[in-house]
Structure formats: C-alpha cells, structure tokens
C-alpha cells in the first residue's frame, strides 16, 4: 500500500512514519511511505497523477494549506482517498467539498489510525490484482495498477511502476498473458505499442506519432504499425472511463 503524508512539521512527518511502519510490521500490509513537507513539494513531485492508495493531509500548513491542496488534487483525481489531520474540528464540513474520507484530530491516536489503515487495506485487497514475480531471488508482489509500462530486454523484462522498476527473467508474451488473462477489463487497459513494449493506458498522458508520454514524464516508443490502434485504444479508454477532458 502506498501512503503519502503532507505535513510542514518535520517531527509530525517522522511520527506518522513510525506509526505506519508499526502498523505494517504487525503483518497488516507492505507499505511504501511518502513524506512531503509542503503542498508545493508534493505537486512538484507529482504534477499530473498521484500514485497513492491513501493521502493524509495536514490542513494547517504554511503557504498552500491542506484544503487548497485537496482541491487541486481533485481536479485530476476524484478517487484518491484523502484524510485530513487537524487540531480544529470546524474544518469537518468544508471537507465535504473535496470528498474527504475522514478527519483525524491531532495528536493522532494510534488506534484510530490503525483502524483507518485496516479499512483501506481491506478495500484494496478486495479490488486489487497482483503479479507474483521472482525478482533477484526474492518473491515480490507487484500491484497491477501501479504498472506504467513493460519493456522486453532480451530474455528479461523491465516493469516500470509508480514505486520503482523491476527487472527479471521473463518474456513479453508471458507477462502480457499474466496481465490480461481472464481479465477483459485489464485487456482493455494494456496495449502493445511496439514489439518490445506494453503500456498501461491509465498511465498515458499523450499519444504521439512515435511515442507515448506517460504521467510521470517517461515515454515508450510507438511503432508506425501500432500508432493507429494505440491512439484509438487511448481515446476509447478515456471516453469509457469518463476521464477525457480538454487540455
């Protein structure tokens, strides 16, 4: 589970990281923690998309506060679970404007935070699909919805994901089967752009004649023969998911 916390007090960032690590160490889930010291820092690191399963926001930050940040995020992501942390209860009603999942009053109580994390983890477990792969002698669980692209490199493949890259021995047809097998909705999500590349349409920002630009700024090549089908799949995907908008 990818958890982000935006908070301008360093001691609070460190305290939250300790609590989340304690929750994970109790066998609940594997957690990647992202800490940001300001709204500006978070938006700089993630200008177009937010690779988190849960975003914890301090409301009372200097500069852009947590509520303003949430409104910016909602312009691009209507589904990301957002939880506000605050010393004051009067913000509760304002949070309805941005679809806040919950409020936690500071100082955050361990039991209340753990209950929230249990709830999010359970919901993700019901909906999420994983690849179970052998990477560097270790068995790794990779959430399918974090995958941006897959590249064939000889007898190996490289998975480019929102939380890092994985390179291991497997051919492209095998990974394509794992991504799409018995999952028609996944078959629509992933498309071959080149004989050596597969891309997640959910990660694509723009389709150009020779490449796809992804939401993290990376790119994958598009072959001449694949351009038409890739472009049509991109348009269809966003039309069907209701996320197509003028830019």
Protein backbone atom coordinates (compact mmCIF):
# COMPACT_ATOMS: atom_id res chain seq x y z
CA UNK A 1 0.00 0.00 0.00
CA UNK A 2 1.34 3.43 -0.95
CA UNK A 3 0.67 6.03 1.75
CA UNK A 4 1.56 9.71 1.46
CA UNK A 5 1.54 12.34 4.21
CA UNK A 6 1.85 16.07 3.55
CA UNK A 7 2.78 17.98 6.70
CA UNK A 8 5.01 21.03 7.24
CA UNK A 9 6.22 19.96 10.69
CA UNK A 10 9.12 17.52 10.37
CA UNK A 11 8.51 15.94 13.76
CA UNK A 12 4.92 15.12 12.74
CA UNK A 13 6.11 13.56 9.46
CA UNK A 14 8.54 11.35 11.35
CA UNK A 15 5.94 10.43 13.98
CA UNK A 16 3.43 9.38 11.31
CA UNK A 17 6.08 7.32 9.51
CA UNK A 18 6.81 5.48 12.76
CA UNK A 19 3.12 4.74 13.34
CA UNK A 20 2.58 3.49 9.79
CA UNK A 21 5.70 1.33 9.99
CA UNK A 22 4.45 -0.14 13.27
CA UNK A 23 1.10 -0.97 11.66
CA UNK A 24 2.85 -2.63 8.69
CA UNK A 25 5.25 -4.56 10.95
CA UNK A 26 2.28 -6.16 12.69
CA UNK A 27 1.70 -8.09 9.47
CA UNK A 28 -1.05 -5.96 8.04
CA UNK A 29 0.38 -4.95 4.68
CA UNK A 30 3.52 -3.96 2.79
CA UNK A 31 3.75 -0.18 2.90
CA UNK A 32 5.67 2.39 0.87
CA UNK A 33 5.64 5.72 2.70
CA UNK A 34 5.97 9.11 1.00
CA UNK A 35 6.54 12.19 3.16
CA UNK A 36 6.18 15.74 1.84
CA UNK A 37 7.00 18.92 3.75
CA UNK A 38 4.67 21.17 1.77
CA UNK A 39 1.89 21.19 -0.82
CA UNK A 40 4.35 22.71 -3.28
CA UNK A 41 6.74 19.78 -2.84
CA UNK A 42 4.01 17.19 -3.40
CA UNK A 43 2.70 18.91 -6.54
CA UNK A 44 6.25 19.33 -7.88
CA UNK A 45 6.96 15.62 -7.45
CA UNK A 46 3.56 14.59 -8.87
CA UNK A 47 2.23 17.30 -11.22
CA UNK A 48 -0.15 15.07 -13.17
CA UNK A 49 -1.05 11.96 -11.18
CA UNK A 50 -0.85 10.69 -7.61
CA UNK A 51 0.42 7.11 -7.16
CA UNK A 52 -1.00 6.69 -3.68
CA UNK A 53 -3.61 4.45 -2.11
CA UNK A 54 -4.13 6.92 0.73
CA UNK A 55 -3.22 10.58 1.17
CA UNK A 56 -3.01 12.08 4.65
CA UNK A 57 -3.13 15.89 4.59
CA UNK A 58 -2.40 18.35 7.36
CA UNK A 59 -4.84 21.23 6.94
CA UNK A 60 -2.89 23.94 8.78
CA UNK A 61 0.20 24.26 6.58
CA UNK A 62 2.03 27.44 5.65
CA UNK A 63 1.61 28.53 2.03
CA UNK A 64 -0.95 26.35 0.29
CA UNK A 65 -2.87 24.62 3.07
CA UNK A 66 -4.22 21.09 3.01
CA UNK A 67 -7.72 22.07 1.90
CA UNK A 68 -6.40 24.06 -1.07
CA UNK A 69 -4.09 21.17 -1.98
CA UNK A 70 -7.01 18.73 -1.86
CA UNK A 71 -8.97 20.94 -4.26
CA UNK A 72 -6.03 20.95 -6.70
CA UNK A 73 -5.73 17.17 -6.47
CA UNK A 74 -9.46 16.69 -7.10
CA UNK A 75 -9.09 18.48 -10.45
CA UNK A 76 -7.05 15.48 -11.64
CA UNK A 77 -8.03 12.62 -9.35
CA UNK A 78 -11.56 12.21 -7.99
CA UNK A 79 -10.99 8.79 -6.44
CA UNK A 80 -7.88 9.09 -4.27
CA UNK A 81 -8.85 8.59 -0.59
CA UNK A 82 -7.96 11.77 1.32
CA UNK A 83 -7.88 12.00 5.11
CA UNK A 84 -7.35 15.35 6.83
CA UNK A 85 -5.37 15.80 10.01
CA UNK A 86 -6.08 18.91 12.06
CA UNK A 87 -6.15 20.41 15.52
CA UNK A 88 -9.54 22.00 14.87
CA UNK A 89 -12.90 20.32 14.32
CA UNK A 90 -14.51 23.24 12.46
CA UNK A 91 -12.96 22.09 9.17
CA UNK A 92 -15.10 18.96 9.04
CA UNK A 93 -17.93 20.38 6.94
CA UNK A 94 -15.58 22.09 4.49
CA UNK A 95 -14.05 18.71 3.75
CA UNK A 96 -17.24 17.51 2.09
CA UNK A 97 -16.38 19.77 -0.87
CA UNK A 98 -13.37 17.62 -1.73
CA UNK A 99 -14.83 14.26 -0.76
CA UNK A 100 -12.65 13.74 2.29
CA UNK A 101 -12.84 10.18 3.55
CA UNK A 102 -12.30 11.11 7.18
CA UNK A 103 -10.79 13.53 9.68
CA UNK A 104 -8.27 12.63 12.35
CA UNK A 105 -7.72 15.08 15.16
CA UNK A 106 -4.17 15.76 16.30
CA UNK A 107 -2.45 14.33 18.15
CA UNK A 108 -3.38 11.26 16.12
CA UNK A 109 -4.41 8.29 18.21
CA UNK A 110 -2.72 5.06 17.22
CA UNK A 111 -5.93 3.02 17.46
CA UNK A 112 -7.86 5.38 15.19
CA UNK A 113 -5.08 5.49 12.59
CA UNK A 114 -4.72 1.71 12.62
CA UNK A 115 -8.47 1.29 12.19
CA UNK A 116 -8.34 3.58 9.15
CA UNK A 117 -5.39 1.70 7.63
CA UNK A 118 -7.17 -1.62 8.23
CA UNK A 119 -10.20 -0.29 6.38
CA UNK A 120 -8.20 0.96 3.38
CA UNK A 121 -6.10 -2.21 3.22
CA UNK A 122 -9.20 -4.41 3.27
CA UNK A 123 -10.83 -2.42 0.46
CA UNK A 124 -7.69 -2.60 -1.66
CA UNK A 125 -7.34 -6.32 -1.07
CA UNK A 126 -10.81 -6.94 -2.43
CA UNK A 127 -10.26 -4.90 -5.58
CA UNK A 128 -6.55 -5.13 -6.35
CA UNK A 129 -4.75 -7.59 -8.61
CA UNK A 130 -1.11 -8.51 -8.20
CA UNK A 131 1.71 -10.09 -10.16
CA UNK A 132 3.76 -12.51 -8.07
CA UNK A 133 7.25 -12.49 -9.58
CA UNK A 134 10.76 -13.72 -8.77
CA UNK A 135 12.99 -10.66 -8.78
CA UNK A 136 16.65 -11.07 -7.83
CA UNK A 137 15.97 -14.27 -5.93
CA UNK A 138 13.07 -12.78 -3.97
CA UNK A 139 9.35 -13.31 -4.44
CA UNK A 140 7.78 -9.90 -5.00
CA UNK A 141 4.10 -8.90 -5.05
CA UNK A 142 3.56 -6.13 -7.62
CA UNK A 143 0.16 -4.36 -7.80
CA UNK A 144 -1.03 -4.36 -11.41
CA UNK A 145 -2.48 -0.87 -11.07
CA UNK A 146 0.98 0.58 -10.34
CA UNK A 147 2.42 -0.61 -13.66
CA UNK A 148 3.15 2.10 -16.21
CA UNK A 149 4.93 0.08 -18.88
CA UNK A 150 6.66 -3.20 -19.66
CA UNK A 151 9.82 -3.39 -21.75
CA UNK A 152 11.39 -6.54 -23.23
CA UNK A 153 15.18 -6.62 -22.85
CA UNK A 154 16.50 -9.84 -24.34
CA UNK A 155 15.44 -12.68 -22.05
CA UNK A 156 14.40 -10.19 -19.38
CA UNK A 157 11.62 -7.69 -18.91
CA UNK A 158 11.60 -4.38 -17.08
CA UNK A 159 8.44 -3.32 -15.29
CA UNK A 160 8.27 0.44 -14.85
CA UNK A 161 5.89 1.23 -11.97
CA UNK A 162 4.85 4.18 -9.86
CA UNK A 163 7.02 2.94 -6.99
CA UNK A 164 10.12 1.80 -8.88
CA UNK A 165 11.38 -0.53 -11.58
CA UNK A 166 11.67 -4.32 -11.54
CA UNK A 167 13.86 -6.30 -13.94
CA UNK A 168 13.68 -10.08 -14.08
CA UNK A 169 13.76 -13.05 -16.43
CA UNK A 170 10.55 -13.49 -18.41
CA UNK A 171 9.41 -12.87 -21.97
CA UNK A 172 6.93 -10.26 -23.08
CA UNK A 173 4.24 -12.73 -24.16
CA UNK A 174 4.25 -14.32 -20.69
CA UNK A 175 3.78 -11.03 -18.89
CA UNK A 176 1.09 -9.99 -21.36
CA UNK A 177 -0.77 -13.19 -20.53
CA UNK A 178 -0.48 -12.55 -16.80
CA UNK A 179 -1.80 -9.02 -17.17
CA UNK A 180 -4.71 -9.88 -19.41
CA UNK A 181 -5.65 -13.50 -18.65
CA UNK A 182 -9.32 -13.86 -17.69
CA UNK A 183 -9.48 -10.12 -17.13
CA UNK A 184 -11.21 -8.39 -20.06
CA UNK A 185 -11.06 -5.06 -18.25
CA UNK A 186 -7.29 -5.45 -17.96
CA UNK A 187 -7.01 -6.45 -21.62
CA UNK A 188 -8.55 -3.09 -22.44
CA UNK A 189 -6.17 -1.29 -20.12
CA UNK A 190 -2.89 -2.63 -21.53
CA UNK A 191 -1.86 -2.22 -25.15
CA UNK A 192 1.21 -3.13 -27.18
CA UNK A 193 2.89 -0.02 -28.61
CA UNK A 194 5.89 -1.78 -30.11
CA UNK A 195 7.19 -5.33 -30.40
CA UNK A 196 9.20 -4.70 -27.22
CA UNK A 197 6.74 -2.59 -25.21
CA UNK A 198 3.38 -2.80 -23.45
CA UNK A 199 1.86 0.27 -21.82
CA UNK A 200 -0.93 0.89 -19.32
CA UNK A 201 -3.45 3.25 -20.90
CA UNK A 202 -4.23 4.61 -17.43
CA UNK A 203 -0.67 5.97 -17.30
CA UNK A 204 -0.70 7.60 -20.74
CA UNK A 205 -0.91 11.39 -20.92
CA UNK A 206 -0.39 11.84 -24.68
CA UNK A 207 -0.07 9.66 -27.75
CA UNK A 208 2.29 11.00 -30.40
CA UNK A 209 3.33 9.53 -33.73
CA UNK A 210 6.48 7.93 -32.39
CA UNK A 211 5.94 7.70 -28.63
CA UNK A 212 3.53 7.73 -25.71
CA UNK A 213 4.20 10.25 -22.95
CA UNK A 214 3.35 8.85 -19.52
CA UNK A 215 2.08 10.67 -16.45
CA UNK A 216 5.47 10.52 -14.71
CA UNK A 217 7.22 12.15 -17.69
CA UNK A 218 8.73 8.95 -19.09
CA UNK A 219 7.96 7.72 -22.59
CA UNK A 220 7.65 4.50 -24.57
CA UNK A 221 8.12 4.14 -28.32
CA UNK A 222 5.19 3.66 -30.68
CA UNK A 223 5.88 1.79 -33.91
CA UNK A 224 4.48 3.01 -37.21
CA UNK A 225 2.21 -0.04 -37.49
CA UNK A 226 0.91 0.31 -33.93
CA UNK A 227 0.16 4.05 -33.90
CA UNK A 228 -3.43 3.88 -35.15
CA UNK A 229 -4.53 1.09 -32.80
CA UNK A 230 -2.75 2.66 -29.81
CA UNK A 231 -4.31 6.07 -30.43
CA UNK A 232 -7.79 4.58 -30.85
CA UNK A 233 -7.38 2.48 -27.69
CA UNK A 234 -6.24 5.56 -25.75
CA UNK A 235 -9.27 7.61 -26.84
CA UNK A 236 -11.68 4.73 -26.20
CA UNK A 237 -10.25 4.04 -22.75
CA UNK A 238 -10.70 7.61 -21.55
CA UNK A 239 -14.08 8.04 -23.17
CA UNK A 240 -15.33 4.89 -21.42
CA UNK A 241 -13.82 5.83 -18.07
CA UNK A 242 -15.17 9.37 -18.14
CA UNK A 243 -11.76 10.97 -17.70
CA UNK A 244 -11.36 12.62 -21.10
CA UNK A 245 -11.17 16.37 -20.82
CA UNK A 246 -9.93 19.35 -22.77
CA UNK A 247 -6.34 20.32 -22.02
